[in-house]
Amino acid sequence: MHILVPGGAGYVGSRLVPALLDKGYAVTVFDLFLYGEHLFDDLKKNPKLTQIKADLRDMSAVEKAMKGCNAVIHLACISNDPSFELNPQLGKEINLDCFEPLVKLAKKLKVQRFIYASSSSVYGVKAEPNVTEDMLLEPLTDYSRFKADCEKILMKYVSDDFICTVLRPATVCGYGPRQRLDVVVNILTNLAYHTGKIKVMGGDQMRPNIHIEDMVRAYLHVLESPKELVNRETFNVGYHNHTVMQLSKMVQKVVGKKRPVELVVEISNDNRSYHVSSEKMARKLGFKAQFTIENAVEDLVKAFDAGKIPDSMNDIRYYNIKTMKAVNLQ
């Protein structure tokens, strides 16, 4: 099987692509490589890896990359609300406008499987203790609204020969070769490790998280599941529902083994609170998380100790919005 991974040089892609290659798949990474072009240098000699530096809005480049591929794992987007809001028109073009042409192209080229990375933020703020896949989508921002729109677009083209699956990931955490330090657990760990102080904004908001290794496992699991179990299906992938304060205390405990960590609570007007259920994926596909939030923090601490994330407080490559500002993509 040959798999096209738009956005494969991103945070999750940096762990997913090597995992796909380890499984023996041929992989084409289609990405702008905004966060560094040397991500897969140690895999360059692998004949099953193809890297294409191109813009997702360039359909001729997409078509060329997609020819001969059996599956698409679509990770590409302007990720997270602040980066999206920096240039809403750019966000719309990449996250929404080019999606339907890409799906049409996949179907025309007889791609057999299409897995779309949506987001658990499509639910908006819910009062229910467990948010399941059949609940009403009430996205709060254009970023999450376009994710919901793309889900609907994809399902318009589904057929018995074009297997379409939507995953709604929680916030990913842990170490990746293309590291992000602008997501909640990773932010807290970076602050705790380097400053000895965690600033907790609010604290009562629920934040579902998933270890990056479990996220990679989820993509592989869906890719390899029998088509009758995953076609036309949507799955939440977010196994640990904790408040920001609970997450902060977990980080404090793990990093506290190396140095004292102080918690400082500040008022926040961020009312986003998500608490998603991943029981459907466990029930239908037999998939369960194997890694904890503490595992993610431990992995980050090891990476900091080993010098794998140099200048983590300042280097813009770890922060999506800072990089987007610097490259000024149009």
C-alpha atoms as a PDB file:
ATOM      1  CA  MET A   1       0.000   0.000   0.000  1.00  0.00           C
ATOM      2  CA  HIS A   2       1.181   3.505  -0.900  1.00  0.00           C
ATOM      3  CA  ILE A   3      -0.021   6.258   1.422  1.00  0.00           C
ATOM      4  CA  LEU A   4      -0.156   9.989   0.735  1.00  0.00           C
ATOM      5  CA  VAL A   5       0.163  12.082   3.901  1.00  0.00           C
ATOM      6  CA  PRO A   6      -0.653  15.769   3.288  1.00  0.00           C
ATOM      7  CA  GLY A   7       0.751  17.601   6.297  1.00  0.00           C
ATOM      8  CA  GLY A   8       3.103  14.721   7.022  1.00  0.00           C
ATOM      9  CA  ALA A   9       5.906  17.031   8.186  1.00  0.00           C
ATOM     10  CA  GLY A  10       3.814  18.328  11.080  1.00  0.00           C
ATOM     11  CA  TYR A  11       3.798  17.327  14.742  1.00  0.00           C
ATOM     12  CA  VAL A  12       1.803  14.092  14.449  1.00  0.00           C
ATOM     13  CA  GLY A  13       3.197  13.368  10.979  1.00  0.00           C
ATOM     14  CA  SER A  14       6.730  13.420  12.337  1.00  0.00           C
ATOM     15  CA  ARG A  15       5.857  10.288  14.336  1.00  0.00           C
ATOM     16  CA  LEU A  16       3.300   8.786  11.931  1.00  0.00           C
ATOM     17  CA  VAL A  17       5.491   8.734   8.805  1.00  0.00           C
ATOM     18  CA  PRO A  18       8.309   6.661  10.404  1.00  0.00           C
ATOM     19  CA  ALA A  19       5.679   4.327  11.885  1.00  0.00           C
ATOM     20  CA  LEU A  20       4.103   3.787   8.461  1.00  0.00           C
ATOM     21  CA  LEU A  21       7.523   3.064   6.941  1.00  0.00           C
ATOM     22  CA  ASP A  22       8.292   0.622   9.771  1.00  0.00           C
ATOM     23  CA  LYS A  23       5.108  -1.220   8.804  1.00  0.00           C
ATOM     24  CA  GLY A  24       6.429  -1.580   5.243  1.00  0.00           C
ATOM     25  CA  TYR A  25       4.161   0.980   3.581  1.00  0.00           C
ATOM     26  CA  ALA A  26       5.365   3.329   0.858  1.00  0.00           C
ATOM     27  CA  VAL A  27       4.774   6.919   2.008  1.00  0.00           C
ATOM     28  CA  THR A  28       4.611  10.224   0.163  1.00  0.00           C
ATOM     29  CA  VAL A  29       4.823  13.268   2.420  1.00  0.00           C
ATOM     30  CA  PHE A  30       3.200  16.338   0.852  1.00  0.00           C
ATOM     31  CA  ASP A  31       3.994  19.445   2.878  1.00  0.00           C
ATOM     32  CA  LEU A  32       5.351  22.990   2.785  1.00  0.00           C
ATOM     33  CA  PHE A  33       7.935  21.984   5.434  1.00  0.00           C
ATOM     34  CA  LEU A  34       7.497  25.323   7.209  1.00  0.00           C
ATOM     35  CA  TYR A  35       8.992  23.921  10.402  1.00  0.00           C
ATOM     36  CA  GLY A  36      12.144  22.514   8.843  1.00  0.00           C
ATOM     37  CA  GLU A  37      13.150  20.527   5.767  1.00  0.00           C
ATOM     38  CA  HIS A  38      15.479  18.127   7.565  1.00  0.00           C
ATOM     39  CA  LEU A  39      12.822  16.309   9.557  1.00  0.00           C
ATOM     40  CA  PHE A  40      13.220  12.972   7.775  1.00  0.00           C
ATOM     41  CA  ASP A  41      16.920  13.207   6.932  1.00  0.00           C
ATOM     42  CA  ASP A  42      17.654   9.919   8.706  1.00  0.00           C
ATOM     43  CA  LEU A  43      15.023   8.228   6.503  1.00  0.00           C
ATOM     44  CA  LYS A  44      16.207   9.664   3.180  1.00  0.00           C
ATOM     45  CA  LYS A  45      17.802   6.395   2.122  1.00  0.00           C
ATOM     46  CA  ASN A  46      14.529   4.546   2.553  1.00  0.00           C
ATOM     47  CA  PRO A  47      13.333   3.891  -1.017  1.00  0.00           C
ATOM     48  CA  LYS A  48       9.723   3.836   0.179  1.00  0.00           C
ATOM     49  CA  LEU A  49       9.774   7.478   1.323  1.00  0.00           C
ATOM     50  CA  THR A  50       8.989  10.318  -1.100  1.00  0.00           C
ATOM     51  CA  GLN A  51       9.001  13.937   0.073  1.00  0.00           C
ATOM     52  CA  ILE A  52       7.246  16.622  -1.934  1.00  0.00           C
ATOM     53  CA  LYS A  53       7.515  20.264  -0.926  1.00  0.00           C
ATOM     54  CA  ALA A  54       4.389  21.896  -2.342  1.00  0.00           C
ATOM     55  CA  ASP A  55       1.252  23.848  -1.475  1.00  0.00           C
ATOM     56  CA  LEU A  56      -2.014  21.972  -0.952  1.00  0.00           C
ATOM     57  CA  ARG A  57      -3.778  24.649  -3.038  1.00  0.00           C
ATOM     58  CA  ASP A  58      -1.755  23.535  -6.081  1.00  0.00           C
ATOM     59  CA  MET A  59      -4.011  20.776  -7.400  1.00  0.00           C
ATOM     60  CA  SER A  60      -1.643  19.817 -10.208  1.00  0.00           C
ATOM     61  CA  ALA A  61       1.051  19.087  -7.599  1.00  0.00           C
ATOM     62  CA  VAL A  62      -1.478  17.212  -5.472  1.00  0.00           C
ATOM     63  CA  GLU A  63      -2.553  15.105  -8.454  1.00  0.00           C
ATOM     64  CA  LYS A  64       1.026  14.238  -9.331  1.00  0.00           C
ATOM     65  CA  ALA A  65       1.719  13.202  -5.724  1.00  0.00           C
ATOM     66  CA  MET A  66      -1.487  11.186  -5.404  1.00  0.00           C
ATOM     67  CA  LYS A  67      -1.082   9.066  -8.529  1.00  0.00           C
ATOM     68  CA  GLY A  68      -0.467   5.466  -7.546  1.00  0.00           C
ATOM     69  CA  CYS A  69      -1.502   5.979  -3.922  1.00  0.00           C
ATOM     70  CA  ASN A  70      -4.003   3.614  -2.309  1.00  0.00           C
ATOM     71  CA  ALA A  71      -4.744   5.689   0.782  1.00  0.00           C
ATOM     72  CA  VAL A  72      -4.708   9.283   2.022  1.00  0.00           C
ATOM     73  CA  ILE A  73      -4.229  10.290   5.658  1.00  0.00           C
ATOM     74  CA  HIS A  74      -5.092  13.978   5.530  1.00  0.00           C
ATOM     75  CA  LEU A  75      -3.327  15.873   8.314  1.00  0.00           C
ATOM     76  CA  ALA A  76      -2.694  19.170   6.542  1.00  0.00           C
ATOM     77  CA  CYS A  77      -4.223  22.393   7.849  1.00  0.00           C
ATOM     78  CA  ILE A  78      -3.452  25.738   9.395  1.00  0.00           C
ATOM     79  CA  SER A  79      -3.514  24.278  12.863  1.00  0.00           C
ATOM     80  CA  ASN A  80      -5.097  25.808  15.977  1.00  0.00           C
ATOM     81  CA  ASP A  81      -7.240  28.914  16.364  1.00  0.00           C
ATOM     82  CA  PRO A  82      -4.517  31.576  16.859  1.00  0.00           C
ATOM     83  CA  SER A  83      -2.596  30.505  13.740  1.00  0.00           C
ATOM     84  CA  PHE A  84      -5.829  30.402  11.756  1.00  0.00           C
ATOM     85  CA  GLU A  85      -6.935  33.853  12.945  1.00  0.00           C
ATOM     86  CA  LEU A  86      -3.601  35.339  11.913  1.00  0.00           C
ATOM     87  CA  ASN A  87      -4.758  35.119   8.292  1.00  0.00           C
ATOM     88  CA  PRO A  88      -8.379  33.930   8.073  1.00  0.00           C
ATOM     89  CA  GLN A  89      -8.391  33.976   4.272  1.00  0.00           C
ATOM     90  CA  LEU A  90      -5.329  31.736   4.125  1.00  0.00           C
ATOM     91  CA  GLY A  91      -6.910  29.467   6.721  1.00  0.00           C
ATOM     92  CA  LYS A  92     -10.089  29.185   4.664  1.00  0.00           C
ATOM     93  CA  GLU A  93      -8.175  28.437   1.455  1.00  0.00           C
ATOM     94  CA  ILE A  94      -6.092  25.647   3.005  1.00  0.00           C
ATOM     95  CA  ASN A  95      -8.495  24.225   5.576  1.00  0.00           C
ATOM     96  CA  LEU A  96     -11.689  24.361   3.504  1.00  0.00           C
ATOM     97  CA  ASP A  97     -11.538  25.579  -0.093  1.00  0.00           C
ATOM     98  CA  CYS A  98      -9.025  23.039  -1.402  1.00  0.00           C
ATOM     99  CA  PHE A  99     -10.501  20.105   0.512  1.00  0.00           C
ATOM    100  CA  GLU A 100     -13.336  19.164  -1.837  1.00  0.00           C
ATOM    101  CA  PRO A 101     -11.138  19.317  -4.972  1.00  0.00           C
ATOM    102  CA  LEU A 102      -8.647  17.073  -3.161  1.00  0.00           C
ATOM    103  CA  VAL A 103     -11.361  14.544  -2.194  1.00  0.00           C
ATOM    104  CA  LYS A 104     -12.728  14.540  -5.774  1.00  0.00           C
ATOM    105  CA  LEU A 105      -9.222  13.928  -7.060  1.00  0.00           C
ATOM    106  CA  ALA A 106      -8.719  11.030  -4.647  1.00  0.00           C
ATOM    107  CA  LYS A 107     -11.901   9.403  -5.863  1.00  0.00           C
ATOM    108  CA  LYS A 108     -11.005   9.973  -9.526  1.00  0.00           C
ATOM    109  CA  LEU A 109      -7.566   8.413  -9.006  1.00  0.00           C
ATOM    110  CA  LYS A 110      -9.182   5.383  -7.334  1.00  0.00           C
ATOM    111  CA  VAL A 111      -7.719   5.954  -3.870  1.00  0.00           C
ATOM    112  CA  GLN A 112      -9.281   3.233  -1.728  1.00  0.00           C
ATOM    113  CA  ARG A 113      -9.138   4.802   1.737  1.00  0.00           C
ATOM    114  CA  PHE A 114      -9.340   8.391   2.948  1.00  0.00           C
ATOM    115  CA  ILE A 115      -8.792   9.227   6.630  1.00  0.00           C
ATOM    116  CA  TYR A 116      -9.485  12.824   7.631  1.00  0.00           C
ATOM    117  CA  ALA A 117      -8.048  14.462  10.733  1.00  0.00           C
ATOM    118  CA  SER A 118     -10.850  16.619  12.086  1.00  0.00           C
ATOM    119  CA  SER A 119     -10.888  17.900  15.687  1.00  0.00           C
ATOM    120  CA  SER A 120     -12.765  17.362  18.925  1.00  0.00           C
ATOM    121  CA  SER A 121     -13.284  21.139  18.973  1.00  0.00           C
ATOM    122  CA  VAL A 122     -16.146  20.678  16.453  1.00  0.00           C
ATOM    123  CA  TYR A 123     -18.451  19.960  19.414  1.00  0.00           C
ATOM    124  CA  GLY A 124     -18.032  23.394  20.975  1.00  0.00           C
ATOM    125  CA  VAL A 125     -18.853  23.705  24.680  1.00  0.00           C
ATOM    126  CA  LYS A 126     -21.077  20.895  25.948  1.00  0.00           C
ATOM    127  CA  ALA A 127     -22.658  20.389  29.363  1.00  0.00           C
ATOM    128  CA  GLU A 128     -22.818  16.608  28.951  1.00  0.00           C
ATOM    129  CA  PRO A 129     -20.211  14.634  30.916  1.00  0.00           C
ATOM    130  CA  ASN A 130     -19.450  12.458  27.876  1.00  0.00           C
ATOM    131  CA  VAL A 131     -19.516  13.928  24.381  1.00  0.00           C
ATOM    132  CA  THR A 132     -20.178  11.225  21.798  1.00  0.00           C
ATOM    133  CA  GLU A 133     -19.911  11.212  18.011  1.00  0.00           C
ATOM    134  CA  ASP A 134     -23.672  11.497  17.448  1.00  0.00           C
ATOM    135  CA  MET A 135     -24.033  14.808  19.291  1.00  0.00           C
ATOM    136  CA  LEU A 136     -24.781  18.105  17.579  1.00  0.00           C
ATOM    137  CA  LEU A 137     -21.711  19.938  16.285  1.00  0.00           C
ATOM    138  CA  GLU A 138     -21.519  23.516  17.597  1.00  0.00           C
ATOM    139  CA  PRO A 139     -18.079  24.805  16.609  1.00  0.00           C
ATOM    140  CA  LEU A 140     -17.089  28.112  18.199  1.00  0.00           C
ATOM    141  CA  THR A 141     -14.486  29.316  15.678  1.00  0.00           C
ATOM    142  CA  ASP A 142     -13.910  29.289  11.933  1.00  0.00           C
ATOM    143  CA  TYR A 143     -11.090  26.788  12.455  1.00  0.00           C
ATOM    144  CA  SER A 144     -13.422  24.226  14.027  1.00  0.00           C
ATOM    145  CA  ARG A 145     -16.347  25.213  11.762  1.00  0.00           C
ATOM    146  CA  PHE A 146     -14.309  24.390   8.666  1.00  0.00           C
ATOM    147  CA  LYS A 147     -13.274  21.072  10.223  1.00  0.00           C
ATOM    148  CA  ALA A 148     -16.980  20.227  10.587  1.00  0.00           C
ATOM    149  CA  ASP A 149     -17.653  21.376   7.007  1.00  0.00           C
ATOM    150  CA  CYS A 150     -14.901  19.119   5.662  1.00  0.00           C
ATOM    151  CA  GLU A 151     -16.377  16.134   7.470  1.00  0.00           C
ATOM    152  CA  LYS A 152     -19.653  16.678   5.594  1.00  0.00           C
ATOM    153  CA  ILE A 153     -17.851  17.193   2.293  1.00  0.00           C
ATOM    154  CA  LEU A 154     -15.916  13.931   2.668  1.00  0.00           C
ATOM    155  CA  MET A 155     -19.045  11.916   3.390  1.00  0.00           C
ATOM    156  CA  LYS A 156     -20.682  13.173   0.167  1.00  0.00           C
ATOM    157  CA  TYR A 157     -18.165  11.133  -1.822  1.00  0.00           C
ATOM    158  CA  VAL A 158     -18.045   7.950   0.233  1.00  0.00           C
ATOM    159  CA  SER A 159     -18.825   4.654  -1.516  1.00  0.00           C
ATOM    160  CA  ASP A 160     -18.070   0.970  -1.136  1.00  0.00           C
ATOM    161  CA  ASP A 161     -14.908   1.541  -3.171  1.00  0.00           C
ATOM    162  CA  PHE A 162     -13.911   4.829  -1.508  1.00  0.00           C
ATOM    163  CA  ILE A 163     -13.641   4.106   2.223  1.00  0.00           C
ATOM    164  CA  CYS A 164     -13.913   7.340   4.203  1.00  0.00           C
ATOM    165  CA  THR A 165     -13.285   7.745   7.927  1.00  0.00           C
ATOM    166  CA  VAL A 166     -13.210  10.853  10.126  1.00  0.00           C
ATOM    167  CA  LEU A 167     -11.125  11.004  13.296  1.00  0.00           C
ATOM    168  CA  ARG A 168     -11.763  13.747  15.843  1.00  0.00           C
ATOM    169  CA  PRO A 169      -8.525  13.899  17.854  1.00  0.00           C
ATOM    170  CA  ALA A 170      -8.207  15.490  21.240  1.00  0.00           C
ATOM    171  CA  THR A 171      -5.183  17.709  21.888  1.00  0.00           C
ATOM    172  CA  VAL A 172      -2.040  15.712  21.211  1.00  0.00           C
ATOM    173  CA  CYS A 173       0.807  15.747  23.725  1.00  0.00           C
ATOM    174  CA  GLY A 174       4.295  14.323  24.108  1.00  0.00           C
ATOM    175  CA  TYR A 175       7.533  14.333  22.139  1.00  0.00           C
ATOM    176  CA  GLY A 176       7.719  14.448  18.356  1.00  0.00           C
ATOM    177  CA  PRO A 177      10.670  15.162  16.039  1.00  0.00           C
ATOM    178  CA  ARG A 178       8.684  18.186  14.790  1.00  0.00           C
ATOM    179  CA  GLN A 179       7.947  19.353  18.291  1.00  0.00           C
ATOM    180  CA  ARG A 180       5.019  21.577  19.205  1.00  0.00           C
ATOM    181  CA  LEU A 181       5.213  23.507  22.460  1.00  0.00           C
ATOM    182  CA  ASP A 182       1.999  25.499  21.989  1.00  0.00           C
ATOM    183  CA  VAL A 183      -0.471  22.819  23.145  1.00  0.00           C
ATOM    184  CA  VAL A 184      -1.526  22.555  26.749  1.00  0.00           C
ATOM    185  CA  VAL A 185       0.444  19.639  28.250  1.00  0.00           C
ATOM    186  CA  ASN A 186       3.560  20.531  26.273  1.00  0.00           C
ATOM    187  CA  ILE A 187       3.292  24.217  27.268  1.00  0.00           C
ATOM    188  CA  LEU A 188       3.010  23.313  30.937  1.00  0.00           C
ATOM    189  CA  THR A 189       5.927  20.867  30.777  1.00  0.00           C
ATOM    190  CA  ASN A 190       8.191  23.341  28.993  1.00  0.00           C
ATOM    191  CA  LEU A 191       7.440  26.038  31.591  1.00  0.00           C
ATOM    192  CA  ALA A 192       7.855  23.683  34.534  1.00  0.00           C
ATOM    193  CA  TYR A 193      11.154  22.258  33.269  1.00  0.00           C
ATOM    194  CA  HIS A 194      12.770  25.554  32.297  1.00  0.00           C
ATOM    195  CA  THR A 195      11.314  28.087  34.742  1.00  0.00           C
ATOM    196  CA  GLY A 196      10.135  26.071  37.726  1.00  0.00           C
ATOM    197  CA  LYS A 197       6.794  27.808  37.452  1.00  0.00           C
ATOM    198  CA  ILE A 198       3.511  26.881  35.775  1.00  0.00           C
ATOM    199  CA  LYS A 199       1.011  29.610  34.956  1.00  0.00           C
ATOM    200  CA  VAL A 200      -2.468  28.075  35.117  1.00  0.00           C
ATOM    201  CA  MET A 201      -5.019  30.095  33.139  1.00  0.00           C
ATOM    202  CA  GLY A 202      -8.329  29.433  34.876  1.00  0.00           C
ATOM    203  CA  GLY A 203      -7.996  25.758  35.680  1.00  0.00           C
ATOM    204  CA  ASP A 204     -11.524  24.357  35.604  1.00  0.00           C
ATOM    205  CA  GLN A 205     -11.725  23.975  31.801  1.00  0.00           C
ATOM    206  CA  MET A 206     -11.735  20.371  30.622  1.00  0.00           C
ATOM    207  CA  ARG A 207      -9.082  19.458  28.081  1.00  0.00           C
ATOM    208  CA  PRO A 208      -9.108  15.993  26.497  1.00  0.00           C
ATOM    209  CA  ASN A 209      -5.621  14.906  25.517  1.00  0.00           C
ATOM    210  CA  ILE A 210      -4.027  11.983  23.752  1.00  0.00           C
ATOM    211  CA  HIS A 211      -0.417  10.840  23.798  1.00  0.00           C
ATOM    212  CA  ILE A 212       1.174  11.291  20.370  1.00  0.00           C
ATOM    213  CA  GLU A 213       2.069   7.603  20.205  1.00  0.00           C
ATOM    214  CA  ASP A 214      -1.570   6.646  20.753  1.00  0.00           C
ATOM    215  CA  MET A 215      -2.593   9.099  18.020  1.00  0.00           C
ATOM    216  CA  VAL A 216      -0.194   7.376  15.619  1.00  0.00           C
ATOM    217  CA  ARG A 217      -1.544   3.988  16.709  1.00  0.00           C
ATOM    218  CA  ALA A 218      -5.091   5.208  16.028  1.00  0.00           C
ATOM    219  CA  TYR A 219      -4.304   6.175  12.428  1.00  0.00           C
ATOM    220  CA  LEU A 220      -2.617   2.829  11.819  1.00  0.00           C
ATOM    221  CA  HIS A 221      -5.492   0.959  13.442  1.00  0.00           C
ATOM    222  CA  VAL A 222      -8.122   2.658  11.266  1.00  0.00           C
ATOM    223  CA  LEU A 223      -5.989   2.204   8.151  1.00  0.00           C
ATOM    224  CA  GLU A 224      -5.712  -1.526   8.785  1.00  0.00           C
ATOM    225  CA  SER A 225      -9.250  -2.190  10.060  1.00  0.00           C
ATOM    226  CA  PRO A 226     -11.745  -4.065   7.851  1.00  0.00           C
ATOM    227  CA  LYS A 227     -13.516  -1.575   5.615  1.00  0.00           C
ATOM    228  CA  GLU A 228     -16.976  -2.500   6.866  1.00  0.00           C
ATOM    229  CA  LEU A 229     -15.958  -1.316  10.363  1.00  0.00           C
ATOM    230  CA  VAL A 230     -14.585   2.089   9.351  1.00  0.00           C
ATOM    231  CA  ASN A 231     -16.422   3.160   6.195  1.00  0.00           C
ATOM    232  CA  ARG A 232     -18.713   6.192   6.712  1.00  0.00           C
ATOM    233  CA  GLU A 233     -17.635   6.259  10.363  1.00  0.00           C
ATOM    234  CA  THR A 234     -16.520   9.034  12.703  1.00  0.00           C
ATOM    235  CA  PHE A 235     -14.460   8.320  15.812  1.00  0.00           C
ATOM    236  CA  ASN A 236     -13.407  10.478  18.739  1.00  0.00           C
ATOM    237  CA  VAL A 237      -9.781   9.882  19.698  1.00  0.00           C
ATOM    238  CA  GLY A 238      -9.182  11.474  23.078  1.00  0.00           C
ATOM    239  CA  TYR A 239      -8.668   9.247  26.034  1.00  0.00           C
ATOM    240  CA  HIS A 240      -7.785  11.456  28.974  1.00  0.00           C
ATOM    241  CA  ASN A 241     -10.300  14.092  30.074  1.00  0.00           C
ATOM    242  CA  HIS A 242      -8.772  16.317  32.734  1.00  0.00           C
ATOM    243  CA  THR A 243      -9.094  19.919  33.848  1.00  0.00           C
ATOM    244  CA  VAL A 244      -6.241  22.311  33.157  1.00  0.00           C
ATOM    245  CA  MET A 245      -5.519  22.302  36.901  1.00  0.00           C
ATOM    246  CA  GLN A 246      -5.336  18.494  36.998  1.00  0.00           C
ATOM    247  CA  LEU A 247      -2.965  18.532  34.026  1.00  0.00           C
ATOM    248  CA  SER A 248      -0.839  21.164  35.739  1.00  0.00           C
ATOM    249  CA  LYS A 249      -0.559  19.041  38.877  1.00  0.00           C
ATOM    250  CA  MET A 250       0.457  15.992  36.831  1.00  0.00           C
ATOM    251  CA  VAL A 251       3.214  18.034  35.181  1.00  0.00           C
ATOM    252  CA  GLN A 252       4.236  19.456  38.559  1.00  0.00           C
ATOM    253  CA  LYS A 253       4.563  15.935  39.976  1.00  0.00           C
ATOM    254  CA  VAL A 254       6.656  14.533  37.097  1.00  0.00           C
ATOM    255  CA  VAL A 255       8.934  17.544  36.598  1.00  0.00           C
ATOM    256  CA  GLY A 256       9.063  17.975  40.382  1.00  0.00           C
ATOM    257  CA  LYS A 257      11.282  14.914  40.560  1.00  0.00           C
ATOM    258  CA  LYS A 258      14.012  17.094  39.014  1.00  0.00           C
ATOM    259  CA  ARG A 259      13.248  20.543  40.441  1.00  0.00           C
ATOM    260  CA  PRO A 260      10.606  22.330  42.529  1.00  0.00           C
ATOM    261  CA  VAL A 261       7.660  23.550  40.431  1.00  0.00           C
ATOM    262  CA  GLU A 262       5.336  26.337  41.585  1.00  0.00           C
ATOM    263  CA  LEU A 263       1.724  26.644  40.357  1.00  0.00           C
ATOM    264  CA  VAL A 264       0.465  30.181  39.744  1.00  0.00           C
ATOM    265  CA  VAL A 265      -3.253  30.532  38.979  1.00  0.00           C
ATOM    266  CA  GLU A 266      -4.521  33.418  36.844  1.00  0.00           C
ATOM    267  CA  ILE A 267      -8.028  34.348  35.717  1.00  0.00           C
ATOM    268  CA  SER A 268      -8.900  33.304  32.158  1.00  0.00           C
ATOM    269  CA  ASN A 269     -11.746  34.278  29.854  1.00  0.00           C
ATOM    270  CA  ASP A 270     -11.177  31.130  27.783  1.00  0.00           C
ATOM    271  CA  ASN A 271     -14.438  29.206  28.251  1.00  0.00           C
ATOM    272  CA  ARG A 272     -13.604  26.374  25.859  1.00  0.00           C
ATOM    273  CA  SER A 273     -14.186  23.109  27.677  1.00  0.00           C
ATOM    274  CA  TYR A 274     -14.189  19.730  25.977  1.00  0.00           C
ATOM    275  CA  HIS A 275     -14.817  16.289  27.451  1.00  0.00           C
ATOM    276  CA  VAL A 276     -15.076  13.643  24.791  1.00  0.00           C
ATOM    277  CA  SER A 277     -15.866   9.942  24.925  1.00  0.00           C
ATOM    278  CA  SER A 278     -13.723   7.517  22.924  1.00  0.00           C
ATOM    279  CA  GLU A 279     -15.813   4.490  23.824  1.00  0.00           C
ATOM    280  CA  LYS A 280     -17.081   4.007  20.262  1.00  0.00           C
ATOM    281  CA  MET A 281     -13.585   3.350  18.911  1.00  0.00           C
ATOM    282  CA  ALA A 282     -12.915   0.895  21.736  1.00  0.00           C
ATOM    283  CA  ARG A 283     -16.232  -0.883  21.239  1.00  0.00           C
ATOM    284  CA  LYS A 284     -16.278  -1.006  17.449  1.00  0.00           C
ATOM    285  CA  LEU A 285     -12.573  -1.341  16.644  1.00  0.00           C
ATOM    286  CA  GLY A 286     -11.086  -2.651  19.873  1.00  0.00           C
ATOM    287  CA  PHE A 287      -8.737   0.325  20.112  1.00  0.00           C
ATOM    288  CA  LYS A 288      -7.688   1.727  23.486  1.00  0.00           C
ATOM    289  CA  ALA A 289      -4.992   4.137  24.565  1.00  0.00           C
ATOM    290  CA  GLN A 290      -1.827   2.654  26.029  1.00  0.00           C
ATOM    291  CA  PHE A 291      -0.055   5.820  27.179  1.00  0.00           C
ATOM    292  CA  THR A 292      -0.840   8.397  29.858  1.00  0.00           C
ATOM    293  CA  ILE A 293      -0.413  12.140  30.269  1.00  0.00           C
ATOM    294  CA  GLU A 294       2.402  11.392  32.689  1.00  0.00           C
ATOM    295  CA  ASN A 295       4.116   9.300  29.981  1.00  0.00           C
ATOM    296  CA  ALA A 296       3.932  12.304  27.641  1.00  0.00           C
ATOM    297  CA  VAL A 297       5.488  14.581  30.270  1.00  0.00           C
ATOM    298  CA  GLU A 298       8.212  12.024  31.001  1.00  0.00           C
ATOM    299  CA  ASP A 299       9.026  11.775  27.273  1.00  0.00           C
ATOM    300  CA  LEU A 300       9.316  15.547  27.005  1.00  0.00           C
ATOM    301  CA  VAL A 301      11.570  15.714  30.069  1.00  0.00           C
ATOM    302  CA  LYS A 302      13.834  13.042  28.532  1.00  0.00           C
ATOM    303  CA  ALA A 303      13.932  15.009  25.270  1.00  0.00           C
ATOM    304  CA  PHE A 304      14.843  18.219  27.134  1.00  0.00           C
ATOM    305  CA  ASP A 305      17.544  16.345  29.075  1.00  0.00           C
ATOM    306  CA  ALA A 306      18.955  14.901  25.838  1.00  0.00           C
ATOM    307  CA  GLY A 307      19.071  18.282  24.096  1.00  0.00           C
ATOM    308  CA  LYS A 308      16.535  17.213  21.459  1.00  0.00           C
ATOM    309  CA  ILE A 309      14.492  20.414  21.876  1.00  0.00           C
ATOM    310  CA  PRO A 310      17.116  23.179  21.994  1.00  0.00           C
ATOM    311  CA  ASP A 311      16.183  26.745  22.959  1.00  0.00           C
ATOM    312  CA  SER A 312      12.635  25.612  23.646  1.00  0.00           C
ATOM    313  CA  MET A 313      11.517  28.874  25.215  1.00  0.00           C
ATOM    314  CA  ASN A 314      12.468  30.999  22.214  1.00  0.00           C
ATOM    315  CA  ASP A 315      12.892  29.039  18.966  1.00  0.00           C
ATOM    316  CA  ILE A 316       9.871  29.849  16.782  1.00  0.00           C
ATOM    317  CA  ARG A 317       9.785  26.414  15.112  1.00  0.00           C
ATOM    318  CA  TYR A 318       8.048  24.986  18.196  1.00  0.00           C
ATOM    319  CA  TYR A 319       5.250  27.550  18.043  1.00  0.00           C
ATOM    320  CA  ASN A 320       2.842  27.523  15.112  1.00  0.00           C
ATOM    321  CA  ILE A 321       1.677  31.123  15.335  1.00  0.00           C
ATOM    322  CA  LYS A 322       5.225  32.500  15.660  1.00  0.00           C
ATOM    323  CA  THR A 323       6.330  30.519  12.613  1.00  0.00           C
ATOM    324  CA  MET A 324       3.254  31.560  10.622  1.00  0.00           C
ATOM    325  CA  LYS A 325       3.999  35.209  11.411  1.00  0.00           C
ATOM    326  CA  ALA A 326       7.642  34.796  10.391  1.00  0.00           C
ATOM    327  CA  VAL A 327       7.035  33.046   7.065  1.00  0.00           C
ATOM    328  CA  ASN A 328       4.031  35.250   6.214  1.00  0.00           C
ATOM    329  CA  LEU A 329       2.505  32.597   3.982  1.00  0.00           C
ATOM    330  CA  GLN A 330      -0.011  34.027   1.518  1.00  0.00           C
END
